[in-house]
Amino acid sequence: GYFHQRVAECRFSSKDLQGIEFIDSYVFNQAEYVRFNSTVGKYVGYTEHGVYNAEAWNSDAAGLAQERGELERFCKQHAPIYY
């Protein structure tokens, strides 16, 4: 069978809210093929299929803005719980 996984996580490097990073990874059969990184601010592809998806998803301004907003909506709102 095939295995597809999406992992969204917040990475905290300090208690300062400026040190938070939002990562949204897409994995197929244990190989990450595309990732959104809030520090980079766009999707980055790691395979041929991932590069194709990253280009398409980066061209969608509304979807990209929503993904960028996850840092504020999810990570920074939940930071006190993690600390």
Protein backbone atom coordinates (compact mmCIF):
# COMPACT_ATOMS: atom_id res chain seq x y z
CA GLY A 1 0.00 0.00 0.00
CA TYR A 2 0.83 3.64 -0.06
CA PHE A 3 1.37 5.95 2.86
CA HIS A 4 0.60 9.69 2.75
CA GLN A 5 1.12 11.95 5.73
CA ARG A 6 0.86 15.68 6.45
CA VAL A 7 2.65 17.03 9.50
CA ALA A 8 2.10 20.60 10.71
CA GLU A 9 4.28 21.68 13.60
CA CYS A 10 5.51 24.72 15.46
CA ARG A 11 9.19 24.88 16.33
CA PHE A 12 10.22 27.05 19.23
CA SER A 13 13.84 28.17 19.56
CA SER A 14 13.25 30.47 22.53
CA LYS A 15 10.48 31.93 24.68
CA ASP A 16 10.53 34.99 22.44
CA LEU A 17 7.59 34.83 20.02
CA GLN A 18 9.91 35.97 17.22
CA GLY A 19 11.74 32.64 17.45
CA ILE A 20 8.73 30.54 16.38
CA GLU A 21 8.72 28.70 13.06
CA PHE A 22 5.73 26.99 11.42
CA ILE A 23 6.50 23.89 9.31
CA ASP A 24 3.90 22.12 7.17
CA SER A 25 5.36 18.96 5.60
CA TYR A 26 3.88 16.54 3.09
CA VAL A 27 5.27 12.99 3.08
CA PHE A 28 4.64 10.13 0.68
CA ASN A 29 6.01 6.67 1.48
CA GLN A 30 8.35 8.07 4.15
CA ALA A 31 9.89 10.67 1.79
CA GLU A 32 9.11 14.34 2.32
CA TYR A 33 8.26 15.84 -1.05
CA VAL A 34 7.12 19.39 -0.27
CA ARG A 35 7.29 21.69 2.76
CA PHE A 36 6.01 25.10 3.77
CA ASN A 37 8.36 26.96 6.09
CA SER A 38 7.19 30.23 7.66
CA THR A 39 10.76 31.52 7.74
CA VAL A 40 11.08 31.07 3.97
CA GLY A 41 7.45 32.13 3.44
CA LYS A 42 6.69 29.72 0.61
CA TYR A 43 6.53 26.06 -0.36
CA VAL A 44 9.73 24.26 -1.30
CA GLY A 45 9.73 21.00 -3.25
CA TYR A 46 12.24 18.22 -2.64
CA THR A 47 11.26 15.81 -5.42
CA GLU A 48 10.10 16.30 -9.00
CA HIS A 49 6.48 15.96 -7.90
CA GLY A 50 7.13 18.24 -4.90
CA VAL A 51 8.66 20.97 -7.07
CA TYR A 52 5.61 20.81 -9.35
CA ASN A 53 3.25 21.12 -6.35
CA ALA A 54 5.31 23.89 -4.76
CA GLU A 55 5.19 26.00 -7.92
CA ALA A 56 1.42 25.55 -8.20
CA TRP A 57 0.75 26.24 -4.52
CA ASN A 58 3.07 29.27 -4.46
CA SER A 59 1.16 30.79 -7.38
CA ASP A 60 -2.10 30.68 -5.36
CA ALA A 61 -1.91 33.98 -3.46
CA ALA A 62 -4.94 33.28 -1.25
CA GLY A 63 -3.75 29.82 -0.24
CA LEU A 64 -0.23 31.07 0.41
CA ALA A 65 -1.55 33.93 2.57
CA GLN A 66 -3.60 31.45 4.58
CA GLU A 67 -0.56 29.23 5.13
CA ARG A 68 1.52 32.23 6.22
CA GLY A 69 -1.22 33.15 8.70
CA GLU A 70 -0.92 29.80 10.48
CA LEU A 71 2.12 31.09 12.36
CA GLU A 72 -0.02 33.78 14.00
CA ARG A 73 -3.24 31.76 14.25
CA PHE A 74 -1.89 28.48 15.53
CA CYS A 75 1.70 28.74 16.78
CA LYS A 76 1.67 32.06 18.60
CA GLN A 77 -1.78 31.41 20.12
CA HIS A 78 -0.63 28.09 21.57
CA ALA A 79 2.89 29.14 22.62
CA PRO A 80 1.97 29.63 26.32
CA ILE A 81 0.68 26.04 26.45
CA TYR A 82 3.97 24.66 25.08
CA TYR A 83 6.02 26.71 27.56
